[in-house]
Amino acid sequence: MKSLYIVDYWVPFPQSEYGGVVNLIAESDTEAFELCADEDGLNHPGYEDRIMPNIMRAQKFALVDEYESSIIDAFTT
Protein backbone atom coordinates (compact mmCIF):
# COMPACT_ATOMS: atom_id res chain seq x y z
CA MET A 1 0.00 0.00 0.00
CA LYS A 2 1.29 3.44 -0.89
CA SER A 3 1.26 6.50 1.32
CA LEU A 4 1.31 10.24 0.90
CA TYR A 5 4.40 11.59 2.66
CA ILE A 6 4.72 15.17 3.88
CA VAL A 7 8.44 15.61 4.49
CA ASP A 8 10.13 18.57 6.15
CA TYR A 9 13.04 19.55 3.95
CA TRP A 10 16.20 18.16 5.54
CA VAL A 11 18.63 21.08 5.76
CA PRO A 12 17.40 23.20 8.69
CA PHE A 13 18.09 26.88 9.15
CA PRO A 14 20.60 28.30 10.12
CA GLN A 15 22.92 25.55 8.86
CA SER A 16 21.97 26.39 5.30
CA GLU A 17 19.53 28.36 3.23
CA TYR A 18 17.71 25.21 2.11
CA GLY A 19 14.29 24.55 3.62
CA GLY A 20 10.71 23.72 2.74
CA VAL A 21 8.31 20.81 2.38
CA VAL A 22 8.26 17.89 -0.07
CA ASN A 23 5.02 15.98 -0.76
CA LEU A 24 5.42 12.61 -2.41
CA ILE A 25 3.78 9.22 -2.91
CA ALA A 26 5.80 6.11 -2.11
CA GLU A 27 5.33 2.52 -1.00
CA SER A 28 8.04 2.66 1.67
CA ASP A 29 10.52 4.96 3.39
CA THR A 30 13.24 3.49 1.17
CA GLU A 31 11.34 4.33 -2.00
CA ALA A 32 10.66 7.86 -0.68
CA PHE A 33 14.41 8.26 -0.03
CA GLU A 34 15.24 7.11 -3.56
CA LEU A 35 12.77 9.60 -5.06
CA CYS A 36 14.32 12.48 -3.11
CA ALA A 37 17.91 11.37 -3.69
CA ASP A 38 17.32 11.12 -7.46
CA GLU A 39 15.60 14.50 -7.76
CA ASP A 40 17.76 17.38 -8.98
CA GLY A 41 17.37 20.34 -6.66
CA LEU A 42 16.56 18.21 -3.59
CA ASN A 43 19.75 16.24 -3.12
CA HIS A 44 22.43 18.73 -2.10
CA PRO A 45 25.94 17.27 -1.76
CA GLY A 46 26.97 16.88 1.86
CA TYR A 47 23.39 16.73 3.19
CA GLU A 48 22.35 13.23 2.03
CA ASP A 49 22.48 11.91 5.60
CA ARG A 50 19.56 14.20 6.53
CA ILE A 51 17.12 12.79 3.99
CA MET A 52 16.19 9.45 5.59
CA PRO A 53 15.65 10.66 9.20
CA ASN A 54 13.18 13.29 8.00
CA ILE A 55 11.41 10.78 5.77
CA MET A 56 11.05 8.46 8.77
CA ARG A 57 9.59 11.35 10.83
CA ALA A 58 7.31 12.53 8.01
CA GLN A 59 3.55 12.53 8.31
CA LYS A 60 2.24 9.56 6.31
CA PHE A 61 -1.30 9.06 5.06
CA ALA A 62 -2.38 5.70 3.63
CA LEU A 63 -3.84 5.92 0.13
CA VAL A 64 -6.85 3.82 -0.83
CA ASP A 65 -6.39 4.05 -4.61
CA GLU A 66 -3.31 3.11 -6.59
CA TYR A 67 -1.09 6.03 -7.54
CA GLU A 68 2.27 6.17 -9.25
CA SER A 69 5.17 6.78 -6.91
CA SER A 70 6.48 10.27 -7.49
CA ILE A 71 7.19 13.65 -6.00
CA ILE A 72 3.93 15.56 -6.18
CA ASP A 73 5.12 18.97 -5.06
CA ALA A 74 8.20 20.50 -3.51
CA PHE A 75 8.36 23.94 -1.98
CA THR A 76 11.97 24.70 -1.24
CA THR A 77 14.05 27.80 -0.70
PDB file of N, CA and C in Angstrom:
ATOM      1  N   MET A   1       0.839  -1.170   0.000  1.00  0.00           N
ATOM      2  CA  MET A   1       0.000   0.000   0.000  1.00  0.00           C
ATOM      3  C   MET A   1       0.889   1.239   0.000  1.00  0.00           C
ATOM      4  N   LYS A   2       0.512   2.212  -0.805  1.00  0.00           N
ATOM      5  CA  LYS A   2       1.291   3.443  -0.893  1.00  0.00           C
ATOM      6  C   LYS A   2       0.747   4.489   0.068  1.00  0.00           C
ATOM      7  N   SER A   3       1.614   5.434   0.394  1.00  0.00           N
ATOM      8  CA  SER A   3       1.256   6.504   1.320  1.00  0.00           C
ATOM      9  C   SER A   3       1.645   7.848   0.732  1.00  0.00           C
ATOM     10  N   LEU A   4       0.934   8.868   1.182  1.00  0.00           N
ATOM     11  CA  LEU A   4       1.312  10.241   0.899  1.00  0.00           C
ATOM     12  C   LEU A   4       2.231  10.674   2.029  1.00  0.00           C
ATOM     13  N   TYR A   5       3.410  11.127   1.686  1.00  0.00           N
ATOM     14  CA  TYR A   5       4.403  11.592   2.657  1.00  0.00           C
ATOM     15  C   TYR A   5       4.452  13.115   2.612  1.00  0.00           C
ATOM     16  N   ILE A   6       4.486  13.736   3.773  1.00  0.00           N
ATOM     17  CA  ILE A   6       4.722  15.172   3.883  1.00  0.00           C
ATOM     18  C   ILE A   6       6.024  15.314   4.666  1.00  0.00           C
ATOM     19  N   VAL A   7       7.086  15.635   3.938  1.00  0.00           N
ATOM     20  CA  VAL A   7       8.439  15.606   4.489  1.00  0.00           C
ATOM     21  C   VAL A   7       8.961  17.022   4.692  1.00  0.00           C
ATOM     22  N   ASP A   8       9.422  17.314   5.920  1.00  0.00           N
ATOM     23  CA  ASP A   8      10.134  18.573   6.148  1.00  0.00           C
ATOM     24  C   ASP A   8      11.452  18.486   5.402  1.00  0.00           C
ATOM     25  N   TYR A   9      11.775  19.547   4.693  1.00  0.00           N
ATOM     26  CA  TYR A   9      13.037  19.552   3.955  1.00  0.00           C
ATOM     27  C   TYR A   9      14.181  19.407   4.941  1.00  0.00           C
ATOM     28  N   TRP A  10      15.234  18.719   4.581  1.00  0.00           N
ATOM     29  CA  TRP A  10      16.195  18.160   5.536  1.00  0.00           C
ATOM     30  C   TRP A  10      17.422  18.991   5.839  1.00  0.00           C
ATOM     31  N   VAL A  11      17.479  20.244   5.416  1.00  0.00           N
ATOM     32  CA  VAL A  11      18.626  21.076   5.763  1.00  0.00           C
ATOM     33  C   VAL A  11      18.106  22.277   6.550  1.00  0.00           C
ATOM     34  N   PRO A  12      18.037  22.161   7.868  1.00  0.00           N
ATOM     35  CA  PRO A  12      17.401  23.195   8.685  1.00  0.00           C
ATOM     36  C   PRO A  12      18.217  24.488   8.780  1.00  0.00           C
ATOM     37  N   PHE A  13      17.503  25.584   8.897  1.00  0.00           N
ATOM     38  CA  PHE A  13      18.091  26.879   9.154  1.00  0.00           C
ATOM     39  C   PHE A  13      18.656  26.864  10.575  1.00  0.00           C
ATOM     40  N   PRO A  14      19.742  27.421  10.905  1.00  0.00           N
ATOM     41  CA  PRO A  14      20.596  28.302  10.121  1.00  0.00           C
ATOM     42  C   PRO A  14      21.782  27.593   9.480  1.00  0.00           C
ATOM     43  N   GLN A  15      21.783  26.266   9.439  1.00  0.00           N
ATOM     44  CA  GLN A  15      22.918  25.548   8.864  1.00  0.00           C
ATOM     45  C   GLN A  15      23.040  25.781   7.369  1.00  0.00           C
ATOM     46  N   SER A  16      21.931  26.091   6.725  1.00  0.00           N
ATOM     47  CA  SER A  16      21.974  26.388   5.302  1.00  0.00           C
ATOM     48  C   SER A  16      20.767  27.231   4.950  1.00  0.00           C
ATOM     49  N   GLU A  17      20.678  27.596   3.701  1.00  0.00           N
ATOM     50  CA  GLU A  17      19.528  28.364   3.234  1.00  0.00           C
ATOM     51  C   GLU A  17      18.438  27.456   2.686  1.00  0.00           C
ATOM     52  N   TYR A  18      18.654  26.146   2.688  1.00  0.00           N
ATOM     53  CA  TYR A  18      17.707  25.206   2.111  1.00  0.00           C
ATOM     54  C   TYR A  18      16.638  24.821   3.126  1.00  0.00           C
ATOM     55  N   GLY A  19      15.383  24.929   2.751  1.00  0.00           N
ATOM     56  CA  GLY A  19      14.293  24.549   3.621  1.00  0.00           C
ATOM     57  C   GLY A  19      13.020  24.400   2.810  1.00  0.00           C
ATOM     58  N   GLY A  20      11.979  23.871   3.427  1.00  0.00           N
ATOM     59  CA  GLY A  20      10.706  23.720   2.745  1.00  0.00           C
ATOM     60  C   GLY A  20      10.011  22.427   3.085  1.00  0.00           C
ATOM     61  N   VAL A  21       9.107  22.021   2.201  1.00  0.00           N
ATOM     62  CA  VAL A  21       8.306  20.814   2.380  1.00  0.00           C
ATOM     63  C   VAL A  21       8.263  20.061   1.050  1.00  0.00           C
ATOM     64  N   VAL A  22       8.367  18.740   1.121  1.00  0.00           N
ATOM     65  CA  VAL A  22       8.262  17.889  -0.067  1.00  0.00           C
ATOM     66  C   VAL A  22       7.093  16.938   0.153  1.00  0.00           C
ATOM     67  N   ASN A  23       6.157  16.910  -0.793  1.00  0.00           N
ATOM     68  CA  ASN A  23       5.020  15.982  -0.762  1.00  0.00           C
ATOM     69  C   ASN A  23       5.250  14.930  -1.834  1.00  0.00           C
ATOM     70  N   LEU A  24       5.167  13.668  -1.435  1.00  0.00           N
ATOM     71  CA  LEU A  24       5.416  12.606  -2.408  1.00  0.00           C
ATOM     72  C   LEU A  24       4.580  11.376  -2.084  1.00  0.00           C
ATOM     73  N   ILE A  25       4.466  10.503  -3.073  1.00  0.00           N
ATOM     74  CA  ILE A  25       3.784   9.224  -2.913  1.00  0.00           C
ATOM     75  C   ILE A  25       4.829   8.129  -3.053  1.00  0.00           C
ATOM     76  N   ALA A  26       4.853   7.214  -2.083  1.00  0.00           N
ATOM     77  CA  ALA A  26       5.802   6.108  -2.111  1.00  0.00           C
ATOM     78  C   ALA A  26       5.221   4.915  -1.357  1.00  0.00           C
ATOM     79  N   GLU A  27       5.775   3.754  -1.647  1.00  0.00           N
ATOM     80  CA  GLU A  27       5.330   2.525  -1.000  1.00  0.00           C
ATOM     81  C   GLU A  27       6.061   2.281   0.320  1.00  0.00           C
ATOM     82  N   SER A  28       7.241   2.885   0.463  1.00  0.00           N
ATOM     83  CA  SER A  28       8.036   2.664   1.675  1.00  0.00           C
ATOM     84  C   SER A  28       8.951   3.855   1.904  1.00  0.00           C
ATOM     85  N   ASP A  29       9.546   3.909   3.092  1.00  0.00           N
ATOM     86  CA  ASP A  29      10.516   4.956   3.391  1.00  0.00           C
ATOM     87  C   ASP A  29      11.705   4.878   2.434  1.00  0.00           C
ATOM     88  N   THR A  30      12.109   3.668   2.093  1.00  0.00           N
ATOM     89  CA  THR A  30      13.240   3.487   1.172  1.00  0.00           C
ATOM     90  C   THR A  30      12.925   4.056  -0.199  1.00  0.00           C
ATOM     91  N   GLU A  31      11.724   3.789  -0.689  1.00  0.00           N
ATOM     92  CA  GLU A  31      11.343   4.333  -1.996  1.00  0.00           C
ATOM     93  C   GLU A  31      11.246   5.859  -1.931  1.00  0.00           C
ATOM     94  N   ALA A  32      10.735   6.409  -0.844  1.00  0.00           N
ATOM     95  CA  ALA A  32      10.662   7.856  -0.675  1.00  0.00           C
ATOM     96  C   ALA A  32      12.067   8.451  -0.694  1.00  0.00           C
ATOM     97  N   PHE A  33      13.016   7.806  -0.024  1.00  0.00           N
ATOM     98  CA  PHE A  33      14.407   8.257  -0.027  1.00  0.00           C
ATOM     99  C   PHE A  33      14.965   8.270  -1.442  1.00  0.00           C
ATOM    100  N   GLU A  34      14.726   7.194  -2.191  1.00  0.00           N
ATOM    101  CA  GLU A  34      15.239   7.112  -3.562  1.00  0.00           C
ATOM    102  C   GLU A  34      14.667   8.215  -4.445  1.00  0.00           C
ATOM    103  N   LEU A  35      13.380   8.514  -4.277  1.00  0.00           N
ATOM    104  CA  LEU A  35      12.768   9.598  -5.057  1.00  0.00           C
ATOM    105  C   LEU A  35      13.443  10.929  -4.753  1.00  0.00           C
ATOM    106  N   CYS A  36      13.676  11.217  -3.487  1.00  0.00           N
ATOM    107  CA  CYS A  36      14.318  12.476  -3.107  1.00  0.00           C
ATOM    108  C   CYS A  36      15.780  12.516  -3.547  1.00  0.00           C
ATOM    109  N   ALA A  37      16.479  11.416  -3.353  1.00  0.00           N
ATOM    110  CA  ALA A  37      17.905  11.367  -3.693  1.00  0.00           C
ATOM    111  C   ALA A  37      18.129  11.505  -5.191  1.00  0.00           C
ATOM    112  N   ASP A  38      17.178  11.056  -6.003  1.00  0.00           N
ATOM    113  CA  ASP A  38      17.316  11.117  -7.458  1.00  0.00           C
ATOM    114  C   ASP A  38      16.846  12.439  -8.056  1.00  0.00           C
ATOM    115  N   GLU A  39      16.180  13.253  -7.258  1.00  0.00           N
ATOM    116  CA  GLU A  39      15.597  14.499  -7.764  1.00  0.00           C
ATOM    117  C   GLU A  39      16.609  15.637  -7.746  1.00  0.00           C
ATOM    118  N   ASP A  40      16.888  16.203  -8.920  1.00  0.00           N
ATOM    119  CA  ASP A  40      17.755  17.378  -8.977  1.00  0.00           C
ATOM    120  C   ASP A  40      17.103  18.500  -8.183  1.00  0.00           C
ATOM    121  N   GLY A  41      17.878  19.224  -7.452  1.00  0.00           N
ATOM    122  CA  GLY A  41      17.370  20.336  -6.660  1.00  0.00           C
ATOM    123  C   GLY A  41      16.992  19.948  -5.240  1.00  0.00           C
ATOM    124  N   LEU A  42      16.887  18.656  -4.951  1.00  0.00           N
ATOM    125  CA  LEU A  42      16.562  18.211  -3.591  1.00  0.00           C
ATOM    126  C   LEU A  42      17.737  17.532  -2.912  1.00  0.00           C
ATOM    127  N   ASN A  43      18.632  16.989  -3.682  1.00  0.00           N
ATOM    128  CA  ASN A  43      19.750  16.243  -3.124  1.00  0.00           C
ATOM    129  C   ASN A  43      21.005  17.104  -3.194  1.00  0.00           C
ATOM    130  N   HIS A  44      21.274  17.844  -2.140  1.00  0.00           N
ATOM    131  CA  HIS A  44      22.430  18.727  -2.096  1.00  0.00           C
ATOM    132  C   HIS A  44      23.630  17.974  -1.529  1.00  0.00           C
ATOM    133  N   PRO A  45      24.746  17.985  -2.230  1.00  0.00           N
ATOM    134  CA  PRO A  45      25.935  17.273  -1.756  1.00  0.00           C
ATOM    135  C   PRO A  45      26.294  17.664  -0.326  1.00  0.00           C
ATOM    136  N   GLY A  46      26.599  16.661   0.463  1.00  0.00           N
ATOM    137  CA  GLY A  46      26.966  16.884   1.858  1.00  0.00           C
ATOM    138  C   GLY A  46      25.802  16.807   2.827  1.00  0.00           C
ATOM    139  N   TYR A  47      24.560  16.759   2.322  1.00  0.00           N
ATOM    140  CA  TYR A  47      23.390  16.726   3.190  1.00  0.00           C
ATOM    141  C   TYR A  47      22.561  15.446   3.018  1.00  0.00           C
ATOM    142  N   GLU A  48      23.091  14.459   2.288  1.00  0.00           N
ATOM    143  CA  GLU A  48      22.353  13.231   2.030  1.00  0.00           C
ATOM    144  C   GLU A  48      21.934  12.515   3.306  1.00  0.00           C
ATOM    145  N   ASP A  49      22.758  12.615   4.349  1.00  0.00           N
ATOM    146  CA  ASP A  49      22.475  11.914   5.600  1.00  0.00           C
ATOM    147  C   ASP A  49      21.251  12.476   6.321  1.00  0.00           C
ATOM    148  N   ARG A  50      20.735  13.610   5.890  1.00  0.00           N
ATOM    149  CA  ARG A  50      19.558  14.205   6.526  1.00  0.00           C
ATOM    150  C   ARG A  50      18.250  13.784   5.873  1.00  0.00           C
ATOM    151  N   ILE A  51      18.340  13.142   4.721  1.00  0.00           N
ATOM    152  CA  ILE A  51      17.122  12.794   3.991  1.00  0.00           C
ATOM    153  C   ILE A  51      16.319  11.717   4.737  1.00  0.00           C
ATOM    154  N   MET A  52      16.919  10.577   5.009  1.00  0.00           N
ATOM    155  CA  MET A  52      16.186   9.448   5.586  1.00  0.00           C
ATOM    156  C   MET A  52      15.585   9.749   6.959  1.00  0.00           C
ATOM    157  N   PRO A  53      16.286  10.380   7.903  1.00  0.00           N
ATOM    158  CA  PRO A  53      15.651  10.661   9.195  1.00  0.00           C
ATOM    159  C   PRO A  53      14.380  11.495   9.053  1.00  0.00           C
ATOM    160  N   ASN A  54      14.375  12.468   8.159  1.00  0.00           N
ATOM    161  CA  ASN A  54      13.179  13.290   8.003  1.00  0.00           C
ATOM    162  C   ASN A  54      12.071  12.536   7.283  1.00  0.00           C
ATOM    163  N   ILE A  55      12.424  11.632   6.400  1.00  0.00           N
ATOM    164  CA  ILE A  55      11.408  10.781   5.775  1.00  0.00           C
ATOM    165  C   ILE A  55      10.772   9.882   6.827  1.00  0.00           C
ATOM    166  N   MET A  56      11.580   9.341   7.721  1.00  0.00           N
ATOM    167  CA  MET A  56      11.052   8.461   8.768  1.00  0.00           C
ATOM    168  C   MET A  56      10.146   9.222   9.739  1.00  0.00           C
ATOM    169  N   ARG A  57      10.413  10.521   9.951  1.00  0.00           N
ATOM    170  CA  ARG A  57       9.591  11.350  10.833  1.00  0.00           C
ATOM    171  C   ARG A  57       8.408  11.999  10.102  1.00  0.00           C
ATOM    172  N   ALA A  58       8.344  11.850   8.806  1.00  0.00           N
ATOM    173  CA  ALA A  58       7.314  12.525   8.009  1.00  0.00           C
ATOM    174  C   ALA A  58       5.911  12.051   8.383  1.00  0.00           C
ATOM    175  N   GLN A  59       4.946  12.940   8.188  1.00  0.00           N
ATOM    176  CA  GLN A  59       3.547  12.525   8.305  1.00  0.00           C
ATOM    177  C   GLN A  59       3.257  11.623   7.109  1.00  0.00           C
ATOM    178  N   LYS A  60       2.562  10.521   7.366  1.00  0.00           N
ATOM    179  CA  LYS A  60       2.245   9.562   6.305  1.00  0.00           C
ATOM    180  C   LYS A  60       0.755   9.267   6.351  1.00  0.00           C
ATOM    181  N   PHE A  61       0.139   9.320   5.178  1.00  0.00           N
ATOM    182  CA  PHE A  61      -1.295   9.062   5.062  1.00  0.00           C
ATOM    183  C   PHE A  61      -1.501   7.941   4.061  1.00  0.00           C
ATOM    184  N   ALA A  62      -2.130   6.850   4.500  1.00  0.00           N
ATOM    185  CA  ALA A  62      -2.379   5.703   3.626  1.00  0.00           C
ATOM    186  C   ALA A  62      -3.321   6.110   2.496  1.00  0.00           C
ATOM    187  N   LEU A  63      -3.017   5.630   1.301  1.00  0.00           N
ATOM    188  CA  LEU A  63      -3.840   5.923   0.132  1.00  0.00           C
ATOM    189  C   LEU A  63      -4.673   4.700  -0.216  1.00  0.00           C
ATOM    190  N   VAL A  64      -5.935   4.914  -0.505  1.00  0.00           N
ATOM    191  CA  VAL A  64      -6.849   3.818  -0.833  1.00  0.00           C
ATOM    192  C   VAL A  64      -6.667   3.389  -2.282  1.00  0.00           C
ATOM    193  N   ASP A  65      -6.557   4.352  -3.183  1.00  0.00           N
ATOM    194  CA  ASP A  65      -6.393   4.051  -4.606  1.00  0.00           C
ATOM    195  C   ASP A  65      -4.920   3.887  -4.948  1.00  0.00           C
ATOM    196  N   GLU A  66      -4.672   3.297  -6.111  1.00  0.00           N
ATOM    197  CA  GLU A  66      -3.306   3.114  -6.588  1.00  0.00           C
ATOM    198  C   GLU A  66      -2.846   4.381  -7.301  1.00  0.00           C
ATOM    199  N   TYR A  67      -1.696   4.879  -6.910  1.00  0.00           N
ATOM    200  CA  TYR A  67      -1.088   6.030  -7.536  1.00  0.00           C
ATOM    201  C   TYR A  67       0.351   5.693  -7.875  1.00  0.00           C
ATOM    202  N   GLU A  68       0.875   6.367  -8.880  1.00  0.00           N
ATOM    203  CA  GLU A  68       2.265   6.168  -9.252  1.00  0.00           C
ATOM    204  C   GLU A  68       3.157   6.841  -8.212  1.00  0.00           C
ATOM    205  N   SER A  69       4.220   6.187  -7.846  1.00  0.00           N
ATOM    206  CA  SER A  69       5.172   6.778  -6.907  1.00  0.00           C
ATOM    207  C   SER A  69       5.871   7.951  -7.589  1.00  0.00           C
ATOM    208  N   SER A  70       5.844   9.088  -6.917  1.00  0.00           N
ATOM    209  CA  SER A  70       6.480  10.269  -7.490  1.00  0.00           C
ATOM    210  C   SER A  70       6.459  11.405  -6.470  1.00  0.00           C
ATOM    211  N   ILE A  71       7.248  12.415  -6.768  1.00  0.00           N
ATOM    212  CA  ILE A  71       7.193  13.646  -5.998  1.00  0.00           C
ATOM    213  C   ILE A  71       6.050  14.460  -6.574  1.00  0.00           C
ATOM    214  N   ILE A  72       5.108  14.811  -5.732  1.00  0.00           N
ATOM    215  CA  ILE A  72       3.928  15.560  -6.182  1.00  0.00           C
ATOM    216  C   ILE A  72       4.235  17.045  -6.221  1.00  0.00           C
ATOM    217  N   ASP A  73       4.843  17.546  -5.162  1.00  0.00           N
ATOM    218  CA  ASP A  73       5.120  18.969  -5.060  1.00  0.00           C
ATOM    219  C   ASP A  73       6.281  19.172  -4.102  1.00  0.00           C
ATOM    220  N   ALA A  74       7.105  20.153  -4.401  1.00  0.00           N
ATOM    221  CA  ALA A  74       8.204  20.496  -3.513  1.00  0.00           C
ATOM    222  C   ALA A  74       8.300  22.003  -3.427  1.00  0.00           C
ATOM    223  N   PHE A  75       8.130  22.519  -2.225  1.00  0.00           N
ATOM    224  CA  PHE A  75       8.358  23.937  -1.978  1.00  0.00           C
ATOM    225  C   PHE A  75       9.656  24.049  -1.230  1.00  0.00           C
ATOM    226  N   THR A  76      10.662  24.582  -1.886  1.00  0.00           N
ATOM    227  CA  THR A  76      11.971  24.704  -1.245  1.00  0.00           C
ATOM    228  C   THR A  76      12.526  26.103  -1.477  1.00  0.00           C
ATOM    229  N   THR A  77      13.386  26.500  -0.566  1.00  0.00           N
ATOM    230  CA  THR A  77      14.052  27.800  -0.704  1.00  0.00           C
ATOM    231  C   THR A  77      15.536  27.593  -0.816  1.00  0.00           C
TER     232      THR A  77
END
